[in-house]
Amino acid sequence: MPHDPPAQGADAYPAADFRVASGVQPGDPVGDGAACVPGDIYRLRKGAGPRRLALRISADPTAPQLAGEGTDIGAPGDAFEFLSLLTFLRDGGDRLELLLIRHVASGGDFIIPLSPIAAGADFTFIAADTPPPGLRIADTICMAFAAGTMIALPGAAPVPVERLGPGDAILTRDRGAQPLRWVGKVTLRADGNFAPVVVTAGTMGNPGDLAVSPHHRLFLYARSGGPPAALIEARHLVDGDRITRRPAAWIDYYSLVFDQHEIIYAEGIPVESLRVGADILTRL
């Protein structure tokens, strides 16, 4: 029986919930670069709540960006377009980046925050970038390890993720030693939806705490019944006891990219690498 491609999840808000509070176009919802005026101040509507967007992952970088099972926006199979990457400044000078996307069937626009966004706070628009050809929404959603995470190497002791670089050989579940293609780093406020999920040492046989971004998926074996193994987002494993959210002021997240999607070992737990399209790989 055929199976739907796996879906990558993100929290999205209707663009209409993020409007100009002060500036040239008061009351206007956020739009692409041509519609936004530098210096305008935006605010997220009080009471606005995120909706889950699930996107199918495809090995074909030219494939349409389609909603997957479990999406709260549109229906599985609906197409989405990546319109723009918008950059704002908070009152304290911190950057906020938003992905602006469109649900093709309805024409409705949505924003995906790449760092925490709070209702009522002021965000000053400063720039918009057009996404490069081939960049897909799912490629930009943060799936990463916190600094200090120990990554397994072939025939050597594990090393902290921040010490890895392109060309380093990493132990993978299915293909043995594979060279890293790229290591990405981003520093984010570690609160709200961006607080890491922490798997306490010993919970899954891990010698140390494993801290990953909420959407990062762990490769888990079923104890009884169901499929023999599955990739599960870390946030769905939170039990408030051994697996928790751990807010902090800031966190350094690291993403690892190989020539193809891999299952690697972080703190001894099998987890996925960041999946990107082949055309994006050629630019790394």
Protein backbone atom coordinates (compact mmCIF):
# COMPACT_ATOMS: atom_id res chain seq x y z
CA MET A 1 0.00 0.00 0.00
CA PRO A 2 1.48 3.39 -0.95
CA HIS A 3 2.18 5.86 1.84
CA ASP A 4 2.03 9.64 1.79
CA PRO A 5 5.42 11.39 1.98
CA PRO A 6 6.41 12.45 5.49
CA ALA A 7 5.32 15.93 6.55
CA GLN A 8 7.37 18.66 8.25
CA GLY A 9 5.44 20.86 10.65
CA ALA A 10 5.58 24.56 11.48
CA ASP A 11 3.45 27.12 13.30
CA ALA A 12 1.86 29.72 11.00
CA TYR A 13 -0.36 32.75 11.53
CA PRO A 14 -2.75 34.39 9.06
CA ALA A 15 -1.01 37.43 7.59
CA ALA A 16 -4.10 39.43 8.54
CA ASP A 17 -3.15 38.93 12.21
CA PHE A 18 0.10 40.89 11.71
CA ARG A 19 -0.70 44.50 10.78
CA VAL A 20 0.81 47.98 10.66
CA ALA A 21 0.22 49.67 14.02
CA SER A 22 2.07 52.87 13.15
CA GLY A 23 3.52 54.24 9.93
CA VAL A 24 2.64 55.00 6.34
CA GLN A 25 0.02 52.24 5.98
CA PRO A 26 -1.73 51.87 9.36
CA GLY A 27 -4.02 48.85 9.52
CA ASP A 28 -2.60 47.10 6.46
CA PRO A 29 -1.70 43.41 6.88
CA VAL A 30 1.84 42.31 6.19
CA GLY A 31 2.59 41.63 2.52
CA ASP A 32 5.56 41.02 0.25
CA GLY A 33 8.45 43.44 -0.12
CA ALA A 34 6.61 45.68 -2.57
CA ALA A 35 3.72 46.12 -0.13
CA CYS A 36 5.78 46.85 3.01
CA VAL A 37 7.27 50.24 3.83
CA PRO A 38 10.58 50.35 5.75
CA GLY A 39 10.04 51.92 9.14
CA ASP A 40 6.41 50.85 9.50
CA ILE A 41 5.74 49.22 12.87
CA TYR A 42 3.81 45.96 12.93
CA ARG A 43 2.09 44.14 15.77
CA LEU A 44 0.61 40.67 16.11
CA ARG A 45 -3.06 40.87 17.04
CA LYS A 46 -3.74 40.09 20.68
CA GLY A 47 -5.39 36.72 20.93
CA ALA A 48 -3.84 35.53 17.67
CA GLY A 49 -2.86 31.89 17.83
CA PRO A 50 -0.67 29.76 15.58
CA ARG A 51 -2.08 27.10 13.27
CA ARG A 52 -0.14 23.99 12.32
CA LEU A 53 1.09 23.84 8.75
CA ALA A 54 2.24 20.39 7.69
CA LEU A 55 4.25 20.22 4.46
CA ARG A 56 5.12 17.09 2.54
CA ILE A 57 8.81 16.41 2.08
CA SER A 58 9.78 15.45 -1.45
CA ALA A 59 13.14 14.31 -2.79
CA ASP A 60 12.32 16.20 -6.01
CA PRO A 61 13.25 19.89 -5.55
CA THR A 62 11.04 20.86 -8.49
CA ALA A 63 7.94 19.25 -6.98
CA PRO A 64 5.11 21.54 -5.82
CA GLN A 65 5.11 22.44 -2.13
CA LEU A 66 2.10 20.52 -0.86
CA ALA A 67 0.34 20.27 2.47
CA GLY A 68 0.65 16.95 4.27
CA GLU A 69 -1.48 14.95 6.66
CA GLY A 70 -2.28 16.75 9.88
CA THR A 71 -2.25 20.26 8.44
CA ASP A 72 -4.61 22.83 9.95
CA ILE A 73 -4.22 25.13 6.94
CA GLY A 74 -5.90 23.92 3.77
CA ALA A 75 -6.13 20.21 3.09
CA PRO A 76 -3.53 17.51 2.35
CA GLY A 77 -2.34 17.97 -1.22
CA ASP A 78 -3.02 21.73 -1.33
CA ALA A 79 -0.21 23.78 -2.86
CA PHE A 80 1.69 26.61 -1.14
CA GLU A 81 3.97 29.30 -2.55
CA PHE A 82 6.96 30.89 -0.82
CA LEU A 83 6.56 34.64 -1.40
CA SER A 84 9.19 36.42 0.65
CA LEU A 85 11.52 36.44 3.65
CA LEU A 86 10.72 39.54 5.73
CA THR A 87 13.07 41.03 8.34
CA PHE A 88 11.97 43.17 11.28
CA LEU A 89 13.63 44.69 14.33
CA ARG A 90 12.19 44.42 17.83
CA ASP A 91 12.27 47.29 20.30
CA GLY A 92 15.45 45.91 21.85
CA GLY A 93 17.20 45.58 18.49
CA ASP A 94 16.69 41.82 18.05
CA ARG A 95 15.90 40.59 14.54
CA LEU A 96 12.69 38.81 13.65
CA GLU A 97 12.48 36.94 10.35
CA LEU A 98 9.16 35.82 8.89
CA LEU A 99 8.44 33.57 5.94
CA LEU A 100 5.50 34.89 3.93
CA ILE A 101 3.67 32.06 2.15
CA ARG A 102 0.43 31.71 0.18
CA HIS A 103 -2.20 28.98 0.16
CA VAL A 104 -2.77 28.78 -3.59
CA ALA A 105 -6.36 27.48 -3.54
CA SER A 106 -7.72 30.25 -1.33
CA GLY A 107 -5.17 32.98 -2.06
CA GLY A 108 -4.74 33.37 1.70
CA ASP A 109 -1.36 34.55 2.98
CA PHE A 110 0.34 33.26 6.14
CA ILE A 111 3.49 34.02 8.09
CA ILE A 112 5.89 31.52 9.66
CA PRO A 113 8.06 33.13 12.38
CA LEU A 114 11.67 31.93 12.44
CA SER A 115 12.07 33.33 15.95
CA PRO A 116 9.51 33.92 18.69
CA ILE A 117 6.79 36.49 18.03
CA ALA A 118 4.68 37.97 20.82
CA ALA A 119 1.27 39.60 20.53
CA GLY A 120 1.32 43.33 21.24
CA ALA A 121 5.09 43.77 20.75
CA ASP A 122 6.38 46.27 18.19
CA PHE A 123 8.30 45.05 15.12
CA THR A 124 9.79 47.57 12.70
CA PHE A 125 9.99 46.41 9.07
CA ILE A 126 13.47 46.83 7.56
CA ALA A 127 13.85 44.53 4.53
CA ALA A 128 12.38 41.85 2.30
CA ASP A 129 14.22 39.22 0.30
CA THR A 130 12.90 37.21 -2.62
CA PRO A 131 13.46 33.49 -2.06
CA PRO A 132 16.10 31.99 -4.39
CA PRO A 133 14.81 29.60 -7.06
CA GLY A 134 14.35 26.10 -5.70
CA LEU A 135 14.18 27.09 -2.05
CA ARG A 136 11.22 25.34 -0.46
CA ILE A 137 9.27 26.31 2.64
CA ALA A 138 10.10 23.04 4.36
CA ASP A 139 13.84 23.65 3.81
CA THR A 140 13.71 26.76 5.98
CA ILE A 141 11.92 25.35 9.02
CA CYS A 142 14.31 25.01 11.91
CA MET A 143 15.38 21.44 12.69
CA ALA A 144 18.50 21.64 14.76
CA PHE A 145 20.60 20.59 17.74
CA ALA A 146 21.45 22.78 20.71
CA ALA A 147 25.11 23.60 21.26
CA GLY A 148 26.85 20.90 23.27
CA THR A 149 24.94 18.01 21.69
CA MET A 150 27.32 15.07 21.26
CA ILE A 151 27.29 13.63 17.72
CA ALA A 152 28.53 10.08 17.01
CA LEU A 153 31.55 9.64 14.74
CA PRO A 154 32.70 6.39 13.09
CA GLY A 155 35.38 4.73 15.20
CA ALA A 156 35.92 7.73 17.46
CA ALA A 157 34.47 9.41 20.51
CA PRO A 158 31.43 11.65 19.97
CA VAL A 159 32.10 15.38 19.60
CA PRO A 160 29.98 18.47 20.32
CA VAL A 161 27.97 19.57 17.31
CA GLU A 162 29.57 23.04 17.33
CA ARG A 163 33.00 21.48 16.63
CA LEU A 164 31.84 19.83 13.39
CA GLY A 165 32.53 21.22 9.94
CA PRO A 166 32.07 20.36 6.26
CA GLY A 167 33.92 17.18 5.31
CA ASP A 168 33.83 15.63 8.78
CA ALA A 169 32.77 11.98 8.72
CA ILE A 170 29.61 11.27 10.76
CA LEU A 171 28.18 7.88 11.68
CA THR A 172 24.80 7.31 9.99
CA ARG A 173 22.28 4.58 10.65
CA ASP A 174 21.86 3.39 7.06
CA ARG A 175 25.03 4.32 5.14
CA GLY A 176 27.87 4.14 7.62
CA ALA A 177 30.33 7.02 7.64
CA GLN A 178 29.14 9.99 5.57
CA PRO A 179 30.79 13.40 5.12
CA LEU A 180 29.03 16.51 6.31
CA ARG A 181 28.12 18.87 3.50
CA TRP A 182 27.18 21.93 5.53
CA VAL A 183 26.72 23.08 9.12
CA GLY A 184 24.28 25.89 9.80
CA LYS A 185 24.06 27.96 12.97
CA VAL A 186 21.36 30.31 14.19
CA THR A 187 21.01 32.06 17.55
CA LEU A 188 17.40 32.43 18.71
CA ARG A 189 15.50 33.45 21.78
CA ALA A 190 14.69 30.12 23.43
CA ASP A 191 11.21 30.90 24.67
CA GLY A 192 7.65 30.11 23.60
CA ASN A 193 7.45 27.89 20.54
CA PHE A 194 11.24 28.06 20.14
CA ALA A 195 12.15 26.66 23.55
CA PRO A 196 14.12 23.45 22.99
CA VAL A 197 12.79 20.03 23.80
CA VAL A 198 15.11 18.26 26.24
CA VAL A 199 15.26 14.48 26.57
CA THR A 200 16.74 13.94 30.03
CA ALA A 201 19.80 11.70 30.25
CA GLY A 202 18.84 8.03 30.57
CA THR A 203 15.32 8.43 29.16
CA MET A 204 16.19 6.71 25.87
CA GLY A 205 19.54 5.28 26.90
CA ASN A 206 21.18 8.64 26.16
CA PRO A 207 24.23 9.34 28.33
CA GLY A 208 23.57 13.09 28.34
CA ASP A 209 20.61 15.42 27.89
CA LEU A 210 19.53 15.76 24.26
CA ALA A 211 18.27 19.27 23.43
CA VAL A 212 16.76 19.83 19.98
CA SER A 213 14.43 22.29 18.29
CA PRO A 214 10.74 21.39 18.74
CA HIS A 215 10.18 20.20 15.16
CA HIS A 216 13.29 18.03 15.04
CA ARG A 217 12.32 14.41 14.54
CA LEU A 218 13.62 11.42 16.49
CA PHE A 219 13.75 7.93 14.97
CA LEU A 220 11.88 5.74 17.44
CA TYR A 221 11.22 2.03 17.50
CA ALA A 222 7.77 0.85 18.56
CA ARG A 223 7.63 -1.17 21.75
CA SER A 224 4.51 -3.07 20.69
CA GLY A 225 2.07 -2.81 17.82
CA GLY A 226 2.02 -0.10 15.16
CA PRO A 227 4.78 0.48 12.63
CA PRO A 228 8.20 -0.92 13.58
CA ALA A 229 9.78 2.57 13.55
CA ALA A 230 8.76 6.15 12.92
CA LEU A 231 10.14 9.69 12.85
CA ILE A 232 8.39 11.68 15.59
CA GLU A 233 8.72 15.41 16.21
CA ALA A 234 10.35 16.09 19.58
CA ARG A 235 7.52 18.37 20.72
CA HIS A 236 5.07 15.46 20.49
CA LEU A 237 7.15 13.47 22.97
CA VAL A 238 6.98 16.02 25.78
CA ASP A 239 5.58 14.38 28.92
CA GLY A 240 6.38 17.08 31.48
CA ASP A 241 8.64 14.67 33.35
CA ARG A 242 11.55 13.11 31.50
CA ILE A 243 10.99 15.01 28.23
CA THR A 244 10.33 18.72 28.72
CA ARG A 245 10.49 22.16 27.14
CA ARG A 246 13.38 24.18 28.59
CA PRO A 247 13.00 27.95 28.01
CA ALA A 248 16.12 30.10 28.14
CA ALA A 249 17.15 33.59 27.13
CA TRP A 250 19.03 32.48 24.01
CA ILE A 251 20.09 29.27 22.31
CA ASP A 252 22.56 28.38 19.57
CA TYR A 253 20.98 25.87 17.19
CA TYR A 254 23.09 23.86 14.71
CA SER A 255 21.73 22.11 11.59
CA LEU A 256 23.63 19.33 9.81
CA VAL A 257 23.27 18.67 6.07
CA PHE A 258 24.53 15.66 4.11
CA ASP A 259 24.33 14.76 0.44
CA GLN A 260 21.06 13.05 1.28
CA HIS A 261 18.71 12.85 4.23
CA GLU A 262 20.33 10.75 6.98
CA ILE A 263 19.58 9.30 10.38
CA ILE A 264 22.48 10.08 12.71
CA TYR A 265 23.12 9.63 16.44
CA ALA A 266 22.91 12.53 18.87
CA GLU A 267 23.58 11.65 22.52
CA GLY A 268 23.14 8.07 21.32
CA ILE A 269 19.58 8.67 20.04
CA PRO A 270 18.86 8.22 16.32
CA VAL A 271 17.64 11.52 14.86
CA GLU A 272 17.27 13.00 11.40
CA SER A 273 19.56 15.43 9.62
CA LEU A 274 18.21 18.55 7.93
CA ARG A 275 16.75 17.66 4.53
CA VAL A 276 17.30 20.10 1.68
CA GLY A 277 16.70 19.89 -2.07
CA ALA A 278 19.44 18.85 -4.48
CA ASP A 279 19.54 22.30 -6.10
CA ILE A 280 20.12 23.92 -2.70
CA LEU A 281 22.94 21.45 -2.00
CA THR A 282 24.82 22.66 -5.08
CA ARG A 283 25.03 26.13 -3.47
CA LEU A 284 26.34 24.92 -0.09
